[in-house]
PDB file of N, CA and C in Angstrom:
ATOM      1  N   MET A   1      46.421  48.803 -69.755  1.00  0.00           N
ATOM      2  CA  MET A   1      45.308  49.733 -69.673  1.00  0.00           C
ATOM      3  C   MET A   1      45.843  51.154 -69.606  1.00  0.00           C
ATOM      4  N   GLY A   2      46.403  51.564 -68.445  1.00  0.00           N
ATOM      5  CA  GLY A   2      46.947  52.903 -68.311  1.00  0.00           C
ATOM      6  C   GLY A   2      48.445  52.890 -68.489  1.00  0.00           C
ATOM      7  N   GLU A   3      48.950  53.989 -68.923  1.00  0.00           N
ATOM      8  CA  GLU A   3      50.379  54.129 -69.120  1.00  0.00           C
ATOM      9  C   GLU A   3      51.045  54.384 -67.778  1.00  0.00           C
ATOM     10  N   VAL A   4      52.199  53.747 -67.545  1.00  0.00           N
ATOM     11  CA  VAL A   4      52.934  53.969 -66.305  1.00  0.00           C
ATOM     12  C   VAL A   4      53.554  55.355 -66.379  1.00  0.00           C
ATOM     13  N   PRO A   5      53.351  56.163 -65.347  1.00  0.00           N
ATOM     14  CA  PRO A   5      53.876  57.528 -65.372  1.00  0.00           C
ATOM     15  C   PRO A   5      55.398  57.553 -65.443  1.00  0.00           C
ATOM     16  N   GLU A   6      55.894  58.612 -66.035  1.00  0.00           N
ATOM     17  CA  GLU A   6      57.324  58.817 -66.119  1.00  0.00           C
ATOM     18  C   GLU A   6      57.876  58.993 -64.706  1.00  0.00           C
ATOM     19  N   PRO A   7      58.934  58.232 -64.328  1.00  0.00           N
ATOM     20  CA  PRO A   7      59.455  58.335 -62.971  1.00  0.00           C
ATOM     21  C   PRO A   7      60.129  59.684 -62.730  1.00  0.00           C
ATOM     22  N   HIS A   8      60.136  60.080 -61.487  1.00  0.00           N
ATOM     23  CA  HIS A   8      60.786  61.320 -61.096  1.00  0.00           C
ATOM     24  C   HIS A   8      62.039  60.978 -60.305  1.00  0.00           C
ATOM     25  N   THR A   9      63.128  61.635 -60.614  1.00  0.00           N
ATOM     26  CA  THR A   9      64.348  61.418 -59.843  1.00  0.00           C
ATOM     27  C   THR A   9      64.646  62.662 -59.022  1.00  0.00           C
ATOM     28  N   GLY A  10      65.310  62.465 -57.919  1.00  0.00           N
ATOM     29  CA  GLY A  10      65.637  63.590 -57.045  1.00  0.00           C
ATOM     30  C   GLY A  10      64.556  63.788 -55.991  1.00  0.00           C
ATOM     31  N   TRP A  11      64.772  64.763 -55.171  1.00  0.00           N
ATOM     32  CA  TRP A  11      63.843  64.995 -54.070  1.00  0.00           C
ATOM     33  C   TRP A  11      62.783  66.009 -54.470  1.00  0.00           C
ATOM     34  N   THR A  12      61.696  66.030 -53.700  1.00  0.00           N
ATOM     35  CA  THR A  12      60.610  66.981 -53.934  1.00  0.00           C
ATOM     36  C   THR A  12      60.179  67.565 -52.597  1.00  0.00           C
ATOM     37  N   PHE A  13      59.455  68.660 -52.629  1.00  0.00           N
ATOM     38  CA  PHE A  13      58.981  69.294 -51.404  1.00  0.00           C
ATOM     39  C   PHE A  13      57.768  68.592 -50.818  1.00  0.00           C
ATOM     40  N   LEU A  14      56.933  68.033 -51.658  1.00  0.00           N
ATOM     41  CA  LEU A  14      55.713  67.385 -51.187  1.00  0.00           C
ATOM     42  C   LEU A  14      55.824  65.875 -51.309  1.00  0.00           C
ATOM     43  N   THR A  15      55.244  65.175 -50.353  1.00  0.00           N
ATOM     44  CA  THR A  15      55.196  63.725 -50.436  1.00  0.00           C
ATOM     45  C   THR A  15      54.083  63.303 -51.385  1.00  0.00           C
ATOM     46  N   ASN A  16      54.130  62.070 -51.805  1.00  0.00           N
ATOM     47  CA  ASN A  16      53.053  61.544 -52.644  1.00  0.00           C
ATOM     48  C   ASN A  16      51.736  61.529 -51.878  1.00  0.00           C
ATOM     49  N   HIS A  17      51.794  61.322 -50.560  1.00  0.00           N
ATOM     50  CA  HIS A  17      50.574  61.353 -49.757  1.00  0.00           C
ATOM     51  C   HIS A  17      49.922  62.737 -49.828  1.00  0.00           C
ATOM     52  N   ALA A  18      50.724  63.788 -49.747  1.00  0.00           N
ATOM     53  CA  ALA A  18      50.186  65.152 -49.833  1.00  0.00           C
ATOM     54  C   ALA A  18      49.611  65.407 -51.219  1.00  0.00           C
ATOM     55  N   ARG A  19      50.273  64.925 -52.247  1.00  0.00           N
ATOM     56  CA  ARG A  19      49.778  65.116 -53.611  1.00  0.00           C
ATOM     57  C   ARG A  19      48.429  64.429 -53.813  1.00  0.00           C
ATOM     58  N   VAL A  20      48.312  63.197 -53.332  1.00  0.00           N
ATOM     59  CA  VAL A  20      47.059  62.450 -53.476  1.00  0.00           C
ATOM     60  C   VAL A  20      45.949  63.143 -52.688  1.00  0.00           C
ATOM     61  N   LEU A  21      46.247  63.568 -51.476  1.00  0.00           N
ATOM     62  CA  LEU A  21      45.245  64.258 -50.663  1.00  0.00           C
ATOM     63  C   LEU A  21      44.781  65.539 -51.350  1.00  0.00           C
ATOM     64  N   ALA A  22      45.701  66.281 -51.943  1.00  0.00           N
ATOM     65  CA  ALA A  22      45.342  67.513 -52.653  1.00  0.00           C
ATOM     66  C   ALA A  22      44.488  67.207 -53.881  1.00  0.00           C
ATOM     67  N   ALA A  23      44.805  66.135 -54.588  1.00  0.00           N
ATOM     68  CA  ALA A  23      44.008  65.756 -55.757  1.00  0.00           C
ATOM     69  C   ALA A  23      42.584  65.394 -55.344  1.00  0.00           C
ATOM     70  N   ILE A  24      42.456  64.706 -54.229  1.00  0.00           N
ATOM     71  CA  ILE A  24      41.121  64.347 -53.727  1.00  0.00           C
ATOM     72  C   ILE A  24      40.388  65.597 -53.261  1.00  0.00           C
ATOM     73  N   ALA A  25      41.105  66.512 -52.634  1.00  0.00           N
ATOM     74  CA  ALA A  25      40.473  67.752 -52.162  1.00  0.00           C
ATOM     75  C   ALA A  25      39.902  68.561 -53.321  1.00  0.00           C
ATOM     76  N   SER A  26      40.548  68.504 -54.472  1.00  0.00           N
ATOM     77  CA  SER A  26      40.059  69.273 -55.618  1.00  0.00           C
ATOM     78  C   SER A  26      38.865  68.611 -56.297  1.00  0.00           C
ATOM     79  N   ASN A  27      38.692  67.301 -56.095  1.00  0.00           N
ATOM     80  CA  ASN A  27      37.538  66.591 -56.654  1.00  0.00           C
ATOM     81  C   ASN A  27      37.303  65.344 -55.816  1.00  0.00           C
ATOM     82  N   ARG A  28      36.360  65.406 -54.925  1.00  0.00           N
ATOM     83  CA  ARG A  28      36.133  64.306 -53.980  1.00  0.00           C
ATOM     84  C   ARG A  28      35.509  63.068 -54.619  1.00  0.00           C
ATOM     85  N   ARG A  29      35.123  63.171 -55.879  1.00  0.00           N
ATOM     86  CA  ARG A  29      34.567  62.013 -56.591  1.00  0.00           C
ATOM     87  C   ARG A  29      35.525  61.507 -57.658  1.00  0.00           C
ATOM     88  N   THR A  30      36.754  61.949 -57.610  1.00  0.00           N
ATOM     89  CA  THR A  30      37.736  61.574 -58.615  1.00  0.00           C
ATOM     90  C   THR A  30      38.047  60.079 -58.558  1.00  0.00           C
ATOM     91  N   ARG A  31      38.461  59.545 -59.687  1.00  0.00           N
ATOM     92  CA  ARG A  31      38.810  58.123 -59.768  1.00  0.00           C
ATOM     93  C   ARG A  31      40.289  57.932 -59.470  1.00  0.00           C
ATOM     94  N   VAL A  32      40.628  56.738 -58.984  1.00  0.00           N
ATOM     95  CA  VAL A  32      42.025  56.406 -58.697  1.00  0.00           C
ATOM     96  C   VAL A  32      42.864  56.609 -59.955  1.00  0.00           C
ATOM     97  N   ARG A  33      42.330  56.240 -61.081  1.00  0.00           N
ATOM     98  CA  ARG A  33      43.048  56.395 -62.357  1.00  0.00           C
ATOM     99  C   ARG A  33      43.390  57.867 -62.619  1.00  0.00           C
ATOM    100  N   ASP A  34      42.439  58.760 -62.334  1.00  0.00           N
ATOM    101  CA  ASP A  34      42.670  60.186 -62.569  1.00  0.00           C
ATOM    102  C   ASP A  34      43.662  60.770 -61.561  1.00  0.00           C
ATOM    103  N   ILE A  35      43.584  60.311 -60.310  1.00  0.00           N
ATOM    104  CA  ILE A  35      44.545  60.751 -59.303  1.00  0.00           C
ATOM    105  C   ILE A  35      45.951  60.319 -59.720  1.00  0.00           C
ATOM    106  N   ALA A  36      46.062  59.080 -60.164  1.00  0.00           N
ATOM    107  CA  ALA A  36      47.366  58.551 -60.582  1.00  0.00           C
ATOM    108  C   ALA A  36      47.953  59.378 -61.724  1.00  0.00           C
ATOM    109  N   ALA A  37      47.142  59.701 -62.703  1.00  0.00           N
ATOM    110  CA  ALA A  37      47.621  60.499 -63.840  1.00  0.00           C
ATOM    111  C   ALA A  37      48.035  61.894 -63.384  1.00  0.00           C
ATOM    112  N   HIS A  38      47.208  62.510 -62.542  1.00  0.00           N
ATOM    113  CA  HIS A  38      47.498  63.863 -62.056  1.00  0.00           C
ATOM    114  C   HIS A  38      48.782  63.905 -61.231  1.00  0.00           C
ATOM    115  N   CYS A  39      48.970  62.898 -60.380  1.00  0.00           N
ATOM    116  CA  CYS A  39      50.123  62.877 -59.467  1.00  0.00           C
ATOM    117  C   CYS A  39      51.343  62.182 -60.067  1.00  0.00           C
ATOM    118  N   ARG A  40      51.179  61.646 -61.268  1.00  0.00           N
ATOM    119  CA  ARG A  40      52.260  60.921 -61.940  1.00  0.00           C
ATOM    120  C   ARG A  40      52.723  59.726 -61.119  1.00  0.00           C
ATOM    121  N   LEU A  41      51.731  58.957 -60.657  1.00  0.00           N
ATOM    122  CA  LEU A  41      51.964  57.747 -59.887  1.00  0.00           C
ATOM    123  C   LEU A  41      51.231  56.596 -60.560  1.00  0.00           C
ATOM    124  N   THR A  42      51.541  55.385 -60.136  1.00  0.00           N
ATOM    125  CA  THR A  42      50.776  54.249 -60.630  1.00  0.00           C
ATOM    126  C   THR A  42      49.470  54.151 -59.846  1.00  0.00           C
ATOM    127  N   GLU A  43      48.493  53.490 -60.433  1.00  0.00           N
ATOM    128  CA  GLU A  43      47.222  53.295 -59.734  1.00  0.00           C
ATOM    129  C   GLU A  43      47.421  52.498 -58.455  1.00  0.00           C
ATOM    130  N   ARG A  44      48.309  51.532 -58.493  1.00  0.00           N
ATOM    131  CA  ARG A  44      48.595  50.724 -57.302  1.00  0.00           C
ATOM    132  C   ARG A  44      49.161  51.596 -56.188  1.00  0.00           C
ATOM    133  N   ALA A  45      50.060  52.510 -56.530  1.00  0.00           N
ATOM    134  CA  ALA A  45      50.637  53.407 -55.525  1.00  0.00           C
ATOM    135  C   ALA A  45      49.560  54.293 -54.914  1.00  0.00           C
ATOM    136  N   VAL A  46      48.652  54.806 -55.748  1.00  0.00           N
ATOM    137  CA  VAL A  46      47.561  55.656 -55.258  1.00  0.00           C
ATOM    138  C   VAL A  46      46.646  54.855 -54.332  1.00  0.00           C
ATOM    139  N   GLN A  47      46.322  53.622 -54.697  1.00  0.00           N
ATOM    140  CA  GLN A  47      45.484  52.790 -53.837  1.00  0.00           C
ATOM    141  C   GLN A  47      46.136  52.574 -52.475  1.00  0.00           C
ATOM    142  N   LYS A  48      47.441  52.358 -52.452  1.00  0.00           N
ATOM    143  CA  LYS A  48      48.172  52.164 -51.192  1.00  0.00           C
ATOM    144  C   LYS A  48      48.144  53.439 -50.353  1.00  0.00           C
ATOM    145  N   ILE A  49      48.345  54.577 -50.993  1.00  0.00           N
ATOM    146  CA  ILE A  49      48.326  55.860 -50.289  1.00  0.00           C
ATOM    147  C   ILE A  49      46.946  56.127 -49.706  1.00  0.00           C
ATOM    148  N   ILE A  50      45.898  55.886 -50.479  1.00  0.00           N
ATOM    149  CA  ILE A  50      44.534  56.069 -49.977  1.00  0.00           C
ATOM    150  C   ILE A  50      44.300  55.160 -48.779  1.00  0.00           C
ATOM    151  N   SER A  51      44.769  53.936 -48.852  1.00  0.00           N
ATOM    152  CA  SER A  51      44.651  52.995 -47.737  1.00  0.00           C
ATOM    153  C   SER A  51      45.375  53.522 -46.495  1.00  0.00           C
ATOM    154  N   ASP A  52      46.581  54.064 -46.676  1.00  0.00           N
ATOM    155  CA  ASP A  52      47.340  54.666 -45.563  1.00  0.00           C
ATOM    156  C   ASP A  52      46.558  55.819 -44.941  1.00  0.00           C
ATOM    157  N   LEU A  53      46.046  56.704 -45.786  1.00  0.00           N
ATOM    158  CA  LEU A  53      45.314  57.876 -45.303  1.00  0.00           C
ATOM    159  C   LEU A  53      44.048  57.475 -44.557  1.00  0.00           C
ATOM    160  N   GLU A  54      43.376  56.445 -45.043  1.00  0.00           N
ATOM    161  CA  GLU A  54      42.178  55.964 -44.353  1.00  0.00           C
ATOM    162  C   GLU A  54      42.539  55.292 -43.028  1.00  0.00           C
ATOM    163  N   ALA A  55      43.592  54.487 -43.023  1.00  0.00           N
ATOM    164  CA  ALA A  55      43.988  53.772 -41.804  1.00  0.00           C
ATOM    165  C   ALA A  55      44.349  54.735 -40.676  1.00  0.00           C
ATOM    166  N   ASP A  56      44.897  55.889 -41.019  1.00  0.00           N
ATOM    167  CA  ASP A  56      45.301  56.862 -40.003  1.00  0.00           C
ATOM    168  C   ASP A  56      44.259  57.951 -39.765  1.00  0.00           C
ATOM    169  N   GLY A  57      43.085  57.809 -40.370  1.00  0.00           N
ATOM    170  CA  GLY A  57      41.973  58.702 -40.074  1.00  0.00           C
ATOM    171  C   GLY A  57      41.982  60.039 -40.798  1.00  0.00           C
ATOM    172  N   TYR A  58      42.759  60.168 -41.853  1.00  0.00           N
ATOM    173  CA  TYR A  58      42.798  61.420 -42.613  1.00  0.00           C
ATOM    174  C   TYR A  58      41.748  61.454 -43.720  1.00  0.00           C
ATOM    175  N   LEU A  59      41.204  60.302 -44.057  1.00  0.00           N
ATOM    176  CA  LEU A  59      40.331  60.179 -45.214  1.00  0.00           C
ATOM    177  C   LEU A  59      39.358  59.033 -44.972  1.00  0.00           C
ATOM    178  N   THR A  60      38.141  59.207 -45.445  1.00  0.00           N
ATOM    179  CA  THR A  60      37.160  58.114 -45.483  1.00  0.00           C
ATOM    180  C   THR A  60      36.539  58.128 -46.873  1.00  0.00           C
ATOM    181  N   HIS A  61      35.883  57.046 -47.210  1.00  0.00           N
ATOM    182  CA  HIS A  61      35.175  57.023 -48.488  1.00  0.00           C
ATOM    183  C   HIS A  61      33.835  56.331 -48.328  1.00  0.00           C
ATOM    184  N   ARG A  62      32.935  56.691 -49.234  1.00  0.00           N
ATOM    185  CA  ARG A  62      31.615  56.081 -49.295  1.00  0.00           C
ATOM    186  C   ARG A  62      31.416  55.619 -50.732  1.00  0.00           C
ATOM    187  N   ARG A  63      30.996  54.403 -50.861  1.00  0.00           N
ATOM    188  CA  ARG A  63      30.747  53.830 -52.183  1.00  0.00           C
ATOM    189  C   ARG A  63      29.411  54.343 -52.696  1.00  0.00           C
ATOM    190  N   GLU A  64      29.408  54.865 -53.923  1.00  0.00           N
ATOM    191  CA  GLU A  64      28.188  55.332 -54.580  1.00  0.00           C
ATOM    192  C   GLU A  64      28.148  54.723 -55.969  1.00  0.00           C
ATOM    193  N   GLY A  65      27.390  53.644 -56.089  1.00  0.00           N
ATOM    194  CA  GLY A  65      27.361  52.937 -57.368  1.00  0.00           C
ATOM    195  C   GLY A  65      28.715  52.309 -57.643  1.00  0.00           C
ATOM    196  N   ARG A  66      29.295  52.683 -58.756  1.00  0.00           N
ATOM    197  CA  ARG A  66      30.607  52.132 -59.122  1.00  0.00           C
ATOM    198  C   ARG A  66      31.752  53.061 -58.757  1.00  0.00           C
ATOM    199  N   SER A  67      31.451  54.163 -58.086  1.00  0.00           N
ATOM    200  CA  SER A  67      32.520  55.105 -57.744  1.00  0.00           C
ATOM    201  C   SER A  67      32.540  55.383 -56.247  1.00  0.00           C
ATOM    202  N   ASN A  68      33.573  56.053 -55.801  1.00  0.00           N
ATOM    203  CA  ASN A  68      33.735  56.442 -54.411  1.00  0.00           C
ATOM    204  C   ASN A  68      33.604  57.948 -54.271  1.00  0.00           C
ATOM    205  N   THR A  69      33.106  58.364 -53.132  1.00  0.00           N
ATOM    206  CA  THR A  69      33.148  59.766 -52.743  1.00  0.00           C
ATOM    207  C   THR A  69      33.999  59.821 -51.488  1.00  0.00           C
ATOM    208  N   TYR A  70      35.038  60.649 -51.529  1.00  0.00           N
ATOM    209  CA  TYR A  70      35.982  60.734 -50.419  1.00  0.00           C
ATOM    210  C   TYR A  70      35.635  61.903 -49.507  1.00  0.00           C
ATOM    211  N   ARG A  71      35.964  61.728 -48.235  1.00  0.00           N
ATOM    212  CA  ARG A  71      35.773  62.791 -47.246  1.00  0.00           C
ATOM    213  C   ARG A  71      37.076  62.945 -46.492  1.00  0.00           C
ATOM    214  N   ILE A  72      37.622  64.139 -46.552  1.00  0.00           N
ATOM    215  CA  ILE A  72      38.878  64.466 -45.867  1.00  0.00           C
ATOM    216  C   ILE A  72      38.550  64.973 -44.470  1.00  0.00           C
ATOM    217  N   GLN A  73      39.357  64.615 -43.509  1.00  0.00           N
ATOM    218  CA  GLN A  73      39.215  65.094 -42.132  1.00  0.00           C
ATOM    219  C   GLN A  73      40.118  66.323 -41.975  1.00  0.00           C
ATOM    220  N   PRO A  74      39.596  67.515 -42.222  1.00  0.00           N
ATOM    221  CA  PRO A  74      40.437  68.720 -42.302  1.00  0.00           C
ATOM    222  C   PRO A  74      41.068  69.145 -40.980  1.00  0.00           C
ATOM    223  N   GLY A  75      40.503  68.745 -39.861  1.00  0.00           N
ATOM    224  CA  GLY A  75      41.035  69.177 -38.575  1.00  0.00           C
ATOM    225  C   GLY A  75      42.173  68.325 -38.040  1.00  0.00           C
ATOM    226  N   ASN A  76      42.478  67.224 -38.717  1.00  0.00           N
ATOM    227  CA  ASN A  76      43.557  66.361 -38.246  1.00  0.00           C
ATOM    228  C   ASN A  76      44.906  67.059 -38.389  1.00  0.00           C
ATOM    229  N   PRO A  77      45.776  66.912 -37.379  1.00  0.00           N
ATOM    230  CA  PRO A  77      47.101  67.539 -37.460  1.00  0.00           C
ATOM    231  C   PRO A  77      47.997  66.783 -38.442  1.00  0.00           C
ATOM    232  N   LEU A  78      48.973  67.498 -38.989  1.00  0.00           N
ATOM    233  CA  LEU A  78      49.963  66.846 -39.844  1.00  0.00           C
ATOM    234  C   LEU A  78      50.799  65.910 -38.975  1.00  0.00           C
ATOM    235  N   ARG A  79      51.390  64.904 -39.581  1.00  0.00           N
ATOM    236  CA  ARG A  79      52.015  63.817 -38.839  1.00  0.00           C
ATOM    237  C   ARG A  79      53.381  64.134 -38.243  1.00  0.00           C
ATOM    238  N   HIS A  80      54.177  64.940 -38.880  1.00  0.00           N
ATOM    239  CA  HIS A  80      55.524  65.200 -38.396  1.00  0.00           C
ATOM    240  C   HIS A  80      55.476  66.147 -37.198  1.00  0.00           C
ATOM    241  N   PRO A  81      56.256  65.878 -36.148  1.00  0.00           N
ATOM    242  CA  PRO A  81      56.231  66.747 -34.959  1.00  0.00           C
ATOM    243  C   PRO A  81      56.510  68.218 -35.262  1.00  0.00           C
ATOM    244  N   ALA A  82      57.314  68.495 -36.274  1.00  0.00           N
ATOM    245  CA  ALA A  82      57.625  69.885 -36.616  1.00  0.00           C
ATOM    246  C   ALA A  82      56.416  70.620 -37.196  1.00  0.00           C
ATOM    247  N   GLU A  83      55.449  69.881 -37.725  1.00  0.00           N
ATOM    248  CA  GLU A  83      54.241  70.489 -38.295  1.00  0.00           C
ATOM    249  C   GLU A  83      52.995  70.151 -37.494  1.00  0.00           C
ATOM    250  N   ALA A  84      53.148  69.670 -36.286  1.00  0.00           N
ATOM    251  CA  ALA A  84      52.005  69.208 -35.489  1.00  0.00           C
ATOM    252  C   ALA A  84      50.993  70.317 -35.199  1.00  0.00           C
ATOM    253  N   ALA A  85      51.418  71.570 -35.256  1.00  0.00           N
ATOM    254  CA  ALA A  85      50.486  72.678 -35.017  1.00  0.00           C
ATOM    255  C   ALA A  85      49.650  72.988 -36.257  1.00  0.00           C
ATOM    256  N   LEU A  86      49.998  72.400 -37.385  1.00  0.00           N
ATOM    257  CA  LEU A  86      49.257  72.620 -38.632  1.00  0.00           C
ATOM    258  C   LEU A  86      48.282  71.478 -38.873  1.00  0.00           C
ATOM    259  N   THR A  87      47.173  71.801 -39.520  1.00  0.00           N
ATOM    260  CA  THR A  87      46.166  70.787 -39.841  1.00  0.00           C
ATOM    261  C   THR A  87      46.181  70.468 -41.332  1.00  0.00           C
ATOM    262  N   VAL A  88      45.452  69.437 -41.666  1.00  0.00           N
ATOM    263  CA  VAL A  88      45.274  69.083 -43.071  1.00  0.00           C
ATOM    264  C   VAL A  88      44.676  70.265 -43.827  1.00  0.00           C
ATOM    265  N   ALA A  89      43.737  70.950 -43.215  1.00  0.00           N
ATOM    266  CA  ALA A  89      43.112  72.114 -43.861  1.00  0.00           C
ATOM    267  C   ALA A  89      44.148  73.194 -44.163  1.00  0.00           C
ATOM    268  N   ASP A  90      45.092  73.416 -43.240  1.00  0.00           N
ATOM    269  CA  ASP A  90      46.153  74.405 -43.481  1.00  0.00           C
ATOM    270  C   ASP A  90      46.979  74.030 -44.714  1.00  0.00           C
ATOM    271  N   LEU A  91      47.366  72.779 -44.788  1.00  0.00           N
ATOM    272  CA  LEU A  91      48.150  72.306 -45.929  1.00  0.00           C
ATOM    273  C   LEU A  91      47.375  72.452 -47.227  1.00  0.00           C
ATOM    274  N   LEU A  92      46.131  71.997 -47.219  1.00  0.00           N
ATOM    275  CA  LEU A  92      45.325  72.042 -48.446  1.00  0.00           C
ATOM    276  C   LEU A  92      45.033  73.466 -48.883  1.00  0.00           C
ATOM    277  N   SER A  93      44.871  74.389 -47.937  1.00  0.00           N
ATOM    278  CA  SER A  93      44.601  75.780 -48.326  1.00  0.00           C
ATOM    279  C   SER A  93      45.792  76.369 -49.060  1.00  0.00           C
ATOM    280  N   LEU A  94      47.001  76.008 -48.670  1.00  0.00           N
ATOM    281  CA  LEU A  94      48.188  76.481 -49.394  1.00  0.00           C
ATOM    282  C   LEU A  94      48.227  75.911 -50.809  1.00  0.00           C
ATOM    283  N   LEU A  95      47.923  74.642 -50.939  1.00  0.00           N
ATOM    284  CA  LEU A  95      47.976  73.998 -52.248  1.00  0.00           C
ATOM    285  C   LEU A  95      46.867  74.498 -53.163  1.00  0.00           C
ATOM    286  N   VAL A  96      45.684  74.711 -52.627  1.00  0.00           N
ATOM    287  CA  VAL A  96      44.563  75.231 -53.421  1.00  0.00           C
ATOM    288  C   VAL A  96      44.865  76.645 -53.888  1.00  0.00           C
ATOM    289  N   GLN A  97      45.449  77.454 -53.014  1.00  0.00           N
ATOM    290  CA  GLN A  97      45.814  78.822 -53.386  1.00  0.00           C
ATOM    291  C   GLN A  97      46.803  78.797 -54.547  1.00  0.00           C
ATOM    292  N   HIS A  98      47.778  77.912 -54.491  1.00  0.00           N
ATOM    293  CA  HIS A  98      48.756  77.798 -55.569  1.00  0.00           C
ATOM    294  C   HIS A  98      48.088  77.382 -56.868  1.00  0.00           C
ATOM    295  N   ASP A  99      47.198  76.387 -56.800  1.00  0.00           N
ATOM    296  CA  ASP A  99      46.506  75.923 -58.003  1.00  0.00           C
ATOM    297  C   ASP A  99      45.672  77.031 -58.630  1.00  0.00           C
ATOM    298  N   ALA A 100      45.001  77.830 -57.806  1.00  0.00           N
ATOM    299  CA  ALA A 100      44.176  78.925 -58.316  1.00  0.00           C
ATOM    300  C   ALA A 100      45.048  79.980 -58.992  1.00  0.00           C
ATOM    301  N   GLU A 101      46.175  80.307 -58.388  1.00  0.00           N
ATOM    302  CA  GLU A 101      47.088  81.289 -58.981  1.00  0.00           C
ATOM    303  C   GLU A 101      47.668  80.771 -60.291  1.00  0.00           C
ATOM    304  N   HIS A 102      48.004  79.488 -60.323  1.00  0.00           N
ATOM    305  CA  HIS A 102      48.555  78.872 -61.532  1.00  0.00           C
ATOM    306  C   HIS A 102      47.514  78.884 -62.663  1.00  0.00           C
ATOM    307  N   ALA A 103      46.267  78.561 -62.340  1.00  0.00           N
ATOM    308  CA  ALA A 103      45.198  78.561 -63.348  1.00  0.00           C
ATOM    309  C   ALA A 103      44.969  79.979 -63.883  1.00  0.00           C
ATOM    310  N   GLU A 104      45.013  80.963 -62.994  1.00  0.00           N
ATOM    311  CA  GLU A 104      44.820  82.365 -63.407  1.00  0.00           C
ATOM    312  C   GLU A 104      45.955  82.814 -64.336  1.00  0.00           C
ATOM    313  N   GLU A 105      47.169  82.415 -64.008  1.00  0.00           N
ATOM    314  CA  GLU A 105      48.322  82.763 -64.843  1.00  0.00           C
ATOM    315  C   GLU A 105      48.208  82.097 -66.217  1.00  0.00           C
ATOM    316  N   ALA A 106      47.752  80.861 -66.252  1.00  0.00           N
ATOM    317  CA  ALA A 106      47.585  80.153 -67.512  1.00  0.00           C
ATOM    318  C   ALA A 106      46.550  80.842 -68.395  1.00  0.00           C
ATOM    319  N   LYS A 107      45.495  81.373 -67.804  1.00  0.00           N
ATOM    320  CA  LYS A 107      44.467  82.099 -68.568  1.00  0.00           C
ATOM    321  C   LYS A 107      45.072  83.365 -69.206  1.00  0.00           C
ATOM    322  N   ARG A 108      45.903  84.063 -68.427  1.00  0.00           N
ATOM    323  CA  ARG A 108      46.490  85.316 -68.932  1.00  0.00           C
ATOM    324  C   ARG A 108      47.473  85.081 -70.051  1.00  0.00           C
ATOM    325  N   THR A 109      48.250  83.998 -69.963  1.00  0.00           N
ATOM    326  CA  THR A 109      49.285  83.759 -70.960  1.00  0.00           C
ATOM    327  C   THR A 109      48.834  82.830 -72.072  1.00  0.00           C
ATOM    328  N   GLY A 110      47.699  82.142 -71.875  1.00  0.00           N
ATOM    329  CA  GLY A 110      47.245  81.137 -72.839  1.00  0.00           C
ATOM    330  C   GLY A 110      46.399  81.701 -73.869  1.00  0.00           C
TER     331      GLY A 110
END
C-alpha cells in the first residue's frame, strides 16, 4: 500500500515522538498514513508512538466516523529531567515557529 520511508542514519536533534506530536499539532485530524509520510516513518511506528503518547497522557483521540481527532495536552511537562520545566506547548511553539519561517522562506525563493 504505502512505500516504506527511506531510513535515516546517524543521530538527530528531535525524537520520533516529538516529530509525530508536531505533525499532529499542525493538523489534529491528520491520518496515520500522512503522519508517517511527513515524519518519514512507517505507519506501524507512528501507531506505536501515538499509543505511547496516549498511555502517558500527552495525547488523546476521539473517533469521528472513520477518522480520529487528536487532542494534545499542552500543559504536560517534557519527560526528561533536564527539560522538566518546559511543557509540550513550549516545544510545539518552537517547532511551529520554525515551520512558519520555513514556509515564508519557500514563498520568497519559490
